[in-house]
């Protein structure tokens, strides 16, 4: 599955607000998208709760995976943005 590794840009990491924004975009994409940290078990990007379980703080490396290039890029871009601003 194609992947992209990006750096978390949100000041407080992937807590509730960024996780909700990312999961909403993943659901809207309509294709499977997963996130993982440090080679750990991938989680469904369509679930804000699962995203929060990653414990990804600002500056953490997150790997985004999806067979759909558009969804991959959209979610990767969101992970990199400061969604707390």
PDB file of N, CA and C in Angstrom:
ATOM      1  N   UNK A   1       0.852  -1.170   0.000  1.00  0.00           N
ATOM      2  CA  UNK A   1       0.000   0.000   0.000  1.00  0.00           C
ATOM      3  C   UNK A   1       0.904   1.242   0.000  1.00  0.00           C
ATOM      4  N   UNK A   2       0.616   2.223  -0.844  1.00  0.00           N
ATOM      5  CA  UNK A   2       1.412   3.452  -0.856  1.00  0.00           C
ATOM      6  C   UNK A   2       1.338   4.178   0.486  1.00  0.00           C
ATOM      7  N   UNK A   3       2.452   4.807   0.858  1.00  0.00           N
ATOM      8  CA  UNK A   3       2.484   5.504   2.144  1.00  0.00           C
ATOM      9  C   UNK A   3       3.277   6.795   2.039  1.00  0.00           C
ATOM     10  N   UNK A   4       3.083   7.633   3.045  1.00  0.00           N
ATOM     11  CA  UNK A   4       3.804   8.898   3.151  1.00  0.00           C
ATOM     12  C   UNK A   4       4.043   9.138   4.635  1.00  0.00           C
ATOM     13  N   UNK A   5       5.278   9.453   5.001  1.00  0.00           N
ATOM     14  CA  UNK A   5       5.598   9.756   6.393  1.00  0.00           C
ATOM     15  C   UNK A   5       5.716  11.265   6.548  1.00  0.00           C
ATOM     16  N   UNK A   6       4.971  11.796   7.515  1.00  0.00           N
ATOM     17  CA  UNK A   6       4.912  13.239   7.740  1.00  0.00           C
ATOM     18  C   UNK A   6       5.113  13.540   9.222  1.00  0.00           C
ATOM     19  N   UNK A   7       5.333  14.808   9.522  1.00  0.00           N
ATOM     20  CA  UNK A   7       5.560  15.268  10.893  1.00  0.00           C
ATOM     21  C   UNK A   7       4.299  15.961  11.406  1.00  0.00           C
ATOM     22  N   UNK A   8       3.858  15.597  12.609  1.00  0.00           N
ATOM     23  CA  UNK A   8       2.668  16.208  13.210  1.00  0.00           C
ATOM     24  C   UNK A   8       2.929  17.697  13.427  1.00  0.00           C
ATOM     25  N   UNK A   9       2.025  18.523  12.902  1.00  0.00           N
ATOM     26  CA  UNK A   9       2.186  19.965  13.002  1.00  0.00           C
ATOM     27  C   UNK A   9       1.376  20.622  14.098  1.00  0.00           C
ATOM     28  N   UNK A  10       0.345  19.956  14.592  1.00  0.00           N
ATOM     29  CA  UNK A  10      -0.500  20.565  15.623  1.00  0.00           C
ATOM     30  C   UNK A  10       0.283  20.741  16.918  1.00  0.00           C
ATOM     31  N   UNK A  11       0.122  21.911  17.521  1.00  0.00           N
ATOM     32  CA  UNK A  11       0.908  22.291  18.696  1.00  0.00           C
ATOM     33  C   UNK A  11       0.798  21.306  19.852  1.00  0.00           C
ATOM     34  N   UNK A  12      -0.358  20.695  20.016  1.00  0.00           N
ATOM     35  CA  UNK A  12      -0.556  19.764  21.133  1.00  0.00           C
ATOM     36  C   UNK A  12      -0.624  18.321  20.623  1.00  0.00           C
ATOM     37  N   UNK A  13      -0.308  18.102  19.373  1.00  0.00           N
ATOM     38  CA  UNK A  13      -0.337  16.763  18.808  1.00  0.00           C
ATOM     39  C   UNK A  13      -1.721  16.384  18.319  1.00  0.00           C
ATOM     40  N   UNK A  14      -1.913  15.096  18.100  1.00  0.00           N
ATOM     41  CA  UNK A  14      -3.177  14.606  17.545  1.00  0.00           C
ATOM     42  C   UNK A  14      -4.176  14.311  18.660  1.00  0.00           C
ATOM     43  N   UNK A  15      -4.623  15.372  19.324  1.00  0.00           N
ATOM     44  CA  UNK A  15      -5.646  15.252  20.363  1.00  0.00           C
ATOM     45  C   UNK A  15      -7.027  15.358  19.708  1.00  0.00           C
ATOM     46  N   UNK A  16      -8.065  15.620  20.476  1.00  0.00           N
ATOM     47  CA  UNK A  16      -9.448  15.527  19.995  1.00  0.00           C
ATOM     48  C   UNK A  16      -9.757  16.371  18.761  1.00  0.00           C
ATOM     49  N   UNK A  17      -9.418  17.658  18.775  1.00  0.00           N
ATOM     50  CA  UNK A  17      -9.784  18.513  17.636  1.00  0.00           C
ATOM     51  C   UNK A  17      -9.103  18.069  16.342  1.00  0.00           C
ATOM     52  N   UNK A  18      -7.765  17.946  16.300  1.00  0.00           N
ATOM     53  CA  UNK A  18      -7.137  17.491  15.062  1.00  0.00           C
ATOM     54  C   UNK A  18      -7.602  16.093  14.649  1.00  0.00           C
ATOM     55  N   UNK A  19      -7.779  15.211  15.619  1.00  0.00           N
ATOM     56  CA  UNK A  19      -8.226  13.850  15.302  1.00  0.00           C
ATOM     57  C   UNK A  19      -9.603  13.867  14.655  1.00  0.00           C
ATOM     58  N   UNK A  20     -10.492  14.729  15.135  1.00  0.00           N
ATOM     59  CA  UNK A  20     -11.840  14.829  14.560  1.00  0.00           C
ATOM     60  C   UNK A  20     -11.788  15.351  13.131  1.00  0.00           C
ATOM     61  N   UNK A  21     -10.947  16.347  12.884  1.00  0.00           N
ATOM     62  CA  UNK A  21     -10.823  16.913  11.537  1.00  0.00           C
ATOM     63  C   UNK A  21     -10.254  15.875  10.575  1.00  0.00           C
ATOM     64  N   UNK A  22      -9.222  15.167  11.012  1.00  0.00           N
ATOM     65  CA  UNK A  22      -8.596  14.146  10.172  1.00  0.00           C
ATOM     66  C   UNK A  22      -9.559  12.997   9.909  1.00  0.00           C
ATOM     67  N   UNK A  23     -10.248  12.533  10.944  1.00  0.00           N
ATOM     68  CA  UNK A  23     -11.161  11.395  10.758  1.00  0.00           C
ATOM     69  C   UNK A  23     -12.322  11.767   9.843  1.00  0.00           C
ATOM     70  N   UNK A  24     -12.822  12.990   9.956  1.00  0.00           N
ATOM     71  CA  UNK A  24     -13.911  13.428   9.071  1.00  0.00           C
ATOM     72  C   UNK A  24     -13.453  13.408   7.610  1.00  0.00           C
ATOM     73  N   UNK A  25     -12.246  13.880   7.352  1.00  0.00           N
ATOM     74  CA  UNK A  25     -11.713  13.875   5.987  1.00  0.00           C
ATOM     75  C   UNK A  25     -11.510  12.451   5.481  1.00  0.00           C
ATOM     76  N   UNK A  26     -11.066  11.564   6.358  1.00  0.00           N
ATOM     77  CA  UNK A  26     -10.857  10.169   5.962  1.00  0.00           C
ATOM     78  C   UNK A  26     -12.178   9.495   5.609  1.00  0.00           C
ATOM     79  N   UNK A  27     -13.208   9.758   6.395  1.00  0.00           N
ATOM     80  CA  UNK A  27     -14.534   9.187   6.111  1.00  0.00           C
ATOM     81  C   UNK A  27     -15.059   9.738   4.790  1.00  0.00           C
ATOM     82  N   UNK A  28     -14.900  11.048   4.574  1.00  0.00           N
ATOM     83  CA  UNK A  28     -15.366  11.669   3.332  1.00  0.00           C
ATOM     84  C   UNK A  28     -14.641  11.110   2.113  1.00  0.00           C
ATOM     85  N   UNK A  29     -13.387  10.683   2.282  1.00  0.00           N
ATOM     86  CA  UNK A  29     -12.623  10.118   1.169  1.00  0.00           C
ATOM     87  C   UNK A  29     -13.256   8.820   0.674  1.00  0.00           C
ATOM     88  N   UNK A  30     -13.898   8.092   1.575  1.00  0.00           N
ATOM     89  CA  UNK A  30     -14.604   6.875   1.185  1.00  0.00           C
ATOM     90  C   UNK A  30     -13.718   5.692   0.853  1.00  0.00           C
ATOM     91  N   UNK A  31     -12.452   5.767   1.228  1.00  0.00           N
ATOM     92  CA  UNK A  31     -11.517   4.662   0.995  1.00  0.00           C
ATOM     93  C   UNK A  31     -10.734   4.414   2.285  1.00  0.00           C
ATOM     94  N   UNK A  32     -10.195   3.213   2.465  1.00  0.00           N
ATOM     95  CA  UNK A  32      -9.417   2.944   3.675  1.00  0.00           C
ATOM     96  C   UNK A  32      -8.146   3.799   3.748  1.00  0.00           C
ATOM     97  N   UNK A  33      -7.940   4.414   4.901  1.00  0.00           N
ATOM     98  CA  UNK A  33      -6.724   5.183   5.188  1.00  0.00           C
ATOM     99  C   UNK A  33      -6.302   4.794   6.598  1.00  0.00           C
ATOM    100  N   UNK A  34      -5.015   4.509   6.775  1.00  0.00           N
ATOM    101  CA  UNK A  34      -4.521   4.175   8.109  1.00  0.00           C
ATOM    102  C   UNK A  34      -3.384   5.115   8.497  1.00  0.00           C
ATOM    103  N   UNK A  35      -3.188   5.226   9.817  1.00  0.00           N
ATOM    104  CA  UNK A  35      -2.095   6.011  10.383  1.00  0.00           C
ATOM    105  C   UNK A  35      -1.321   5.123  11.344  1.00  0.00           C
ATOM    106  N   UNK A  36      -0.017   5.314  11.394  1.00  0.00           N
ATOM    107  CA  UNK A  36       0.789   4.584  12.375  1.00  0.00           C
ATOM    108  C   UNK A  36       1.948   5.467  12.824  1.00  0.00           C
ATOM    109  N   UNK A  37       2.479   5.146  14.005  1.00  0.00           N
ATOM    110  CA  UNK A  37       3.601   5.880  14.583  1.00  0.00           C
ATOM    111  C   UNK A  37       4.704   4.884  14.905  1.00  0.00           C
ATOM    112  N   UNK A  38       5.930   5.207  14.512  1.00  0.00           N
ATOM    113  CA  UNK A  38       7.102   4.382  14.837  1.00  0.00           C
ATOM    114  C   UNK A  38       6.932   2.915  14.461  1.00  0.00           C
ATOM    115  N   UNK A  39       6.341   2.648  13.318  1.00  0.00           N
ATOM    116  CA  UNK A  39       6.181   1.278  12.861  1.00  0.00           C
ATOM    117  C   UNK A  39       5.190   0.468  13.664  1.00  0.00           C
ATOM    118  N   UNK A  40       4.401   1.148  14.499  1.00  0.00           N
ATOM    119  CA  UNK A  40       3.396   0.463  15.312  1.00  0.00           C
ATOM    120  C   UNK A  40       2.209   0.008  14.490  1.00  0.00           C
ATOM    121  N   UNK A  41       1.274  -0.588  15.163  1.00  0.00           N
ATOM    122  CA  UNK A  41       0.059  -1.096  14.528  1.00  0.00           C
ATOM    123  C   UNK A  41      -0.716   0.063  13.902  1.00  0.00           C
ATOM    124  N   UNK A  42      -1.068  -0.056  12.610  1.00  0.00           N
ATOM    125  CA  UNK A  42      -1.842   1.009  11.973  1.00  0.00           C
ATOM    126  C   UNK A  42      -3.260   1.081  12.535  1.00  0.00           C
ATOM    127  N   UNK A  43      -3.785   2.316  12.596  1.00  0.00           N
ATOM    128  CA  UNK A  43      -5.157   2.519  13.054  1.00  0.00           C
ATOM    129  C   UNK A  43      -5.973   3.145  11.933  1.00  0.00           C
ATOM    130  N   UNK A  44      -7.272   2.958  11.998  1.00  0.00           N
ATOM    131  CA  UNK A  44      -8.202   3.505  11.015  1.00  0.00           C
ATOM    132  C   UNK A  44      -8.264   5.021  11.161  1.00  0.00           C
ATOM    133  N   UNK A  45      -7.905   5.744  10.099  1.00  0.00           N
ATOM    134  CA  UNK A  45      -7.924   7.206  10.140  1.00  0.00           C
ATOM    135  C   UNK A  45      -9.345   7.758  10.171  1.00  0.00           C
ATOM    136  N   UNK A  46     -10.335   6.916   9.943  1.00  0.00           N
ATOM    137  CA  UNK A  46     -11.727   7.339  10.007  1.00  0.00           C
ATOM    138  C   UNK A  46     -12.284   7.365  11.417  1.00  0.00           C
ATOM    139  N   UNK A  47     -11.469   7.028  12.403  1.00  0.00           N
ATOM    140  CA  UNK A  47     -11.897   7.007  13.802  1.00  0.00           C
ATOM    141  C   UNK A  47     -11.054   7.977  14.626  1.00  0.00           C
ATOM    142  N   UNK A  48     -11.684   9.056  15.098  1.00  0.00           N
ATOM    143  CA  UNK A  48     -10.964  10.033  15.923  1.00  0.00           C
ATOM    144  C   UNK A  48     -10.390   9.363  17.169  1.00  0.00           C
ATOM    145  N   UNK A  49     -11.148   8.469  17.770  1.00  0.00           N
ATOM    146  CA  UNK A  49     -10.685   7.783  18.976  1.00  0.00           C
ATOM    147  C   UNK A  49      -9.419   6.968  18.691  1.00  0.00           C
ATOM    148  N   UNK A  50      -9.410   6.256  17.575  1.00  0.00           N
ATOM    149  CA  UNK A  50      -8.233   5.452  17.228  1.00  0.00           C
ATOM    150  C   UNK A  50      -7.028   6.345  16.941  1.00  0.00           C
ATOM    151  N   UNK A  51      -7.261   7.493  16.302  1.00  0.00           N
ATOM    152  CA  UNK A  51      -6.158   8.425  16.040  1.00  0.00           C
ATOM    153  C   UNK A  51      -5.556   8.899  17.357  1.00  0.00           C
ATOM    154  N   UNK A  52      -6.408   9.210  18.326  1.00  0.00           N
ATOM    155  CA  UNK A  52      -5.911   9.689  19.618  1.00  0.00           C
ATOM    156  C   UNK A  52      -5.109   8.622  20.349  1.00  0.00           C
ATOM    157  N   UNK A  53      -5.414   7.333  20.115  1.00  0.00           N
ATOM    158  CA  UNK A  53      -4.663   6.266  20.787  1.00  0.00           C
ATOM    159  C   UNK A  53      -3.214   6.193  20.315  1.00  0.00           C
ATOM    160  N   UNK A  54      -2.905   6.829  19.191  1.00  0.00           N
ATOM    161  CA  UNK A  54      -1.524   6.824  18.705  1.00  0.00           C
ATOM    162  C   UNK A  54      -0.596   7.592  19.639  1.00  0.00           C
ATOM    163  N   UNK A  55      -1.143   8.558  20.364  1.00  0.00           N
ATOM    164  CA  UNK A  55      -0.325   9.366  21.263  1.00  0.00           C
ATOM    165  C   UNK A  55       0.717  10.193  20.530  1.00  0.00           C
ATOM    166  N   UNK A  56       0.389  10.617  19.317  1.00  0.00           N
ATOM    167  CA  UNK A  56       1.343  11.359  18.491  1.00  0.00           C
ATOM    168  C   UNK A  56       1.367  12.834  18.876  1.00  0.00           C
ATOM    169  N   UNK A  57       2.467  13.259  19.471  1.00  0.00           N
ATOM    170  CA  UNK A  57       2.633  14.656  19.847  1.00  0.00           C
ATOM    171  C   UNK A  57       3.224  15.470  18.711  1.00  0.00           C
ATOM    172  N   UNK A  58       3.315  16.779  18.920  1.00  0.00           N
ATOM    173  CA  UNK A  58       3.914  17.657  17.916  1.00  0.00           C
ATOM    174  C   UNK A  58       5.318  17.161  17.593  1.00  0.00           C
ATOM    175  N   UNK A  59       5.615  17.077  16.299  1.00  0.00           N
ATOM    176  CA  UNK A  59       6.930  16.638  15.856  1.00  0.00           C
ATOM    177  C   UNK A  59       7.066  15.141  15.659  1.00  0.00           C
ATOM    178  N   UNK A  60       6.049  14.373  16.055  1.00  0.00           N
ATOM    179  CA  UNK A  60       6.101  12.916  15.870  1.00  0.00           C
ATOM    180  C   UNK A  60       5.998  12.575  14.384  1.00  0.00           C
ATOM    181  N   UNK A  61       6.644  11.495  13.987  1.00  0.00           N
ATOM    182  CA  UNK A  61       6.535  11.008  12.613  1.00  0.00           C
ATOM    183  C   UNK A  61       5.347  10.064  12.517  1.00  0.00           C
ATOM    184  N   UNK A  62       4.436  10.381  11.597  1.00  0.00           N
ATOM    185  CA  UNK A  62       3.246   9.564  11.382  1.00  0.00           C
ATOM    186  C   UNK A  62       3.267   9.064   9.943  1.00  0.00           C
ATOM    187  N   UNK A  63       3.033   7.776   9.765  1.00  0.00           N
ATOM    188  CA  UNK A  63       2.953   7.202   8.427  1.00  0.00           C
ATOM    189  C   UNK A  63       1.489   7.055   8.044  1.00  0.00           C
ATOM    190  N   UNK A  64       1.149   7.650   6.911  1.00  0.00           N
ATOM    191  CA  UNK A  64      -0.208   7.597   6.367  1.00  0.00           C
ATOM    192  C   UNK A  64      -0.180   6.602   5.216  1.00  0.00           C
ATOM    193  N   UNK A  65      -1.149   5.672   5.182  1.00  0.00           N
ATOM    194  CA  UNK A  65      -1.212   4.680   4.109  1.00  0.00           C
ATOM    195  C   UNK A  65      -2.596   4.653   3.492  1.00  0.00           C
ATOM    196  N   UNK A  66      -2.634   4.594   2.163  1.00  0.00           N
ATOM    197  CA  UNK A  66      -3.895   4.438   1.439  1.00  0.00           C
ATOM    198  C   UNK A  66      -3.583   4.073  -0.005  1.00  0.00           C
ATOM    199  N   UNK A  67      -4.452   3.276  -0.604  1.00  0.00           N
ATOM    200  CA  UNK A  67      -4.307   2.952  -2.022  1.00  0.00           C
ATOM    201  C   UNK A  67      -4.767   4.099  -2.908  1.00  0.00           C
ATOM    202  N   UNK A  68      -5.466   5.067  -2.323  1.00  0.00           N
ATOM    203  CA  UNK A  68      -5.983   6.213  -3.072  1.00  0.00           C
ATOM    204  C   UNK A  68      -5.044   7.410  -2.867  1.00  0.00           C
ATOM    205  N   UNK A  69      -4.397   7.857  -3.940  1.00  0.00           N
ATOM    206  CA  UNK A  69      -3.399   8.927  -3.834  1.00  0.00           C
ATOM    207  C   UNK A  69      -3.992  10.226  -3.303  1.00  0.00           C
ATOM    208  N   UNK A  70      -5.191  10.552  -3.730  1.00  0.00           N
ATOM    209  CA  UNK A  70      -5.835  11.784  -3.270  1.00  0.00           C
ATOM    210  C   UNK A  70      -6.092  11.734  -1.767  1.00  0.00           C
ATOM    211  N   UNK A  71      -6.632  10.624  -1.289  1.00  0.00           N
ATOM    212  CA  UNK A  71      -6.892  10.463   0.145  1.00  0.00           C
ATOM    213  C   UNK A  71      -5.580  10.489   0.924  1.00  0.00           C
ATOM    214  N   UNK A  72      -4.574   9.816   0.417  1.00  0.00           N
ATOM    215  CA  UNK A  72      -3.258   9.784   1.059  1.00  0.00           C
ATOM    216  C   UNK A  72      -2.723  11.202   1.240  1.00  0.00           C
ATOM    217  N   UNK A  73      -2.759  11.989   0.170  1.00  0.00           N
ATOM    218  CA  UNK A  73      -2.234  13.354   0.233  1.00  0.00           C
ATOM    219  C   UNK A  73      -3.071  14.259   1.122  1.00  0.00           C
ATOM    220  N   UNK A  74      -4.392  14.113   1.060  1.00  0.00           N
ATOM    221  CA  UNK A  74      -5.276  14.938   1.888  1.00  0.00           C
ATOM    222  C   UNK A  74      -5.012  14.703   3.367  1.00  0.00           C
ATOM    223  N   UNK A  75      -4.957  13.443   3.773  1.00  0.00           N
ATOM    224  CA  UNK A  75      -4.755  13.125   5.189  1.00  0.00           C
ATOM    225  C   UNK A  75      -3.335  13.503   5.620  1.00  0.00           C
ATOM    226  N   UNK A  76      -2.349  13.248   4.786  1.00  0.00           N
ATOM    227  CA  UNK A  76      -0.970  13.624   5.119  1.00  0.00           C
ATOM    228  C   UNK A  76      -0.861  15.135   5.317  1.00  0.00           C
ATOM    229  N   UNK A  77      -1.506  15.902   4.448  1.00  0.00           N
ATOM    230  CA  UNK A  77      -1.481  17.366   4.578  1.00  0.00           C
ATOM    231  C   UNK A  77      -2.116  17.815   5.890  1.00  0.00           C
ATOM    232  N   UNK A  78      -3.211  17.175   6.280  1.00  0.00           N
ATOM    233  CA  UNK A  78      -3.874  17.543   7.534  1.00  0.00           C
ATOM    234  C   UNK A  78      -3.005  17.218   8.746  1.00  0.00           C
ATOM    235  N   UNK A  79      -2.333  16.079   8.721  1.00  0.00           N
ATOM    236  CA  UNK A  79      -1.460  15.709   9.843  1.00  0.00           C
ATOM    237  C   UNK A  79      -0.344  16.749   9.993  1.00  0.00           C
ATOM    238  N   UNK A  80       0.154  17.262   8.882  1.00  0.00           N
ATOM    239  CA  UNK A  80       1.254  18.231   8.915  1.00  0.00           C
ATOM    240  C   UNK A  80       0.831  19.629   9.362  1.00  0.00           C
ATOM    241  N   UNK A  81      -0.449  19.964   9.208  1.00  0.00           N
ATOM    242  CA  UNK A  81      -0.928  21.308   9.557  1.00  0.00           C
ATOM    243  C   UNK A  81      -1.122  21.470  11.060  1.00  0.00           C
ATOM    244  N   UNK A  82      -1.036  22.737  11.510  1.00  0.00           N
ATOM    245  CA  UNK A  82      -1.373  23.046  12.896  1.00  0.00           C
ATOM    246  C   UNK A  82      -2.880  23.242  12.947  1.00  0.00           C
ATOM    247  N   UNK A  83      -3.601  22.198  13.271  1.00  0.00           N
ATOM    248  CA  UNK A  83      -5.065  22.238  13.285  1.00  0.00           C
ATOM    249  C   UNK A  83      -5.608  22.868  14.558  1.00  0.00           C
ATOM    250  N   UNK A  84      -4.722  23.347  15.426  1.00  0.00           N
ATOM    251  CA  UNK A  84      -5.142  24.059  16.631  1.00  0.00           C
ATOM    252  C   UNK A  84      -5.207  25.566  16.389  1.00  0.00           C
ATOM    253  N   UNK A  85      -4.669  26.008  15.259  1.00  0.00           N
ATOM    254  CA  UNK A  85      -4.598  27.459  14.977  1.00  0.00           C
ATOM    255  C   UNK A  85      -5.960  28.012  14.600  1.00  0.00           C
TER     256      UNK A  85
END
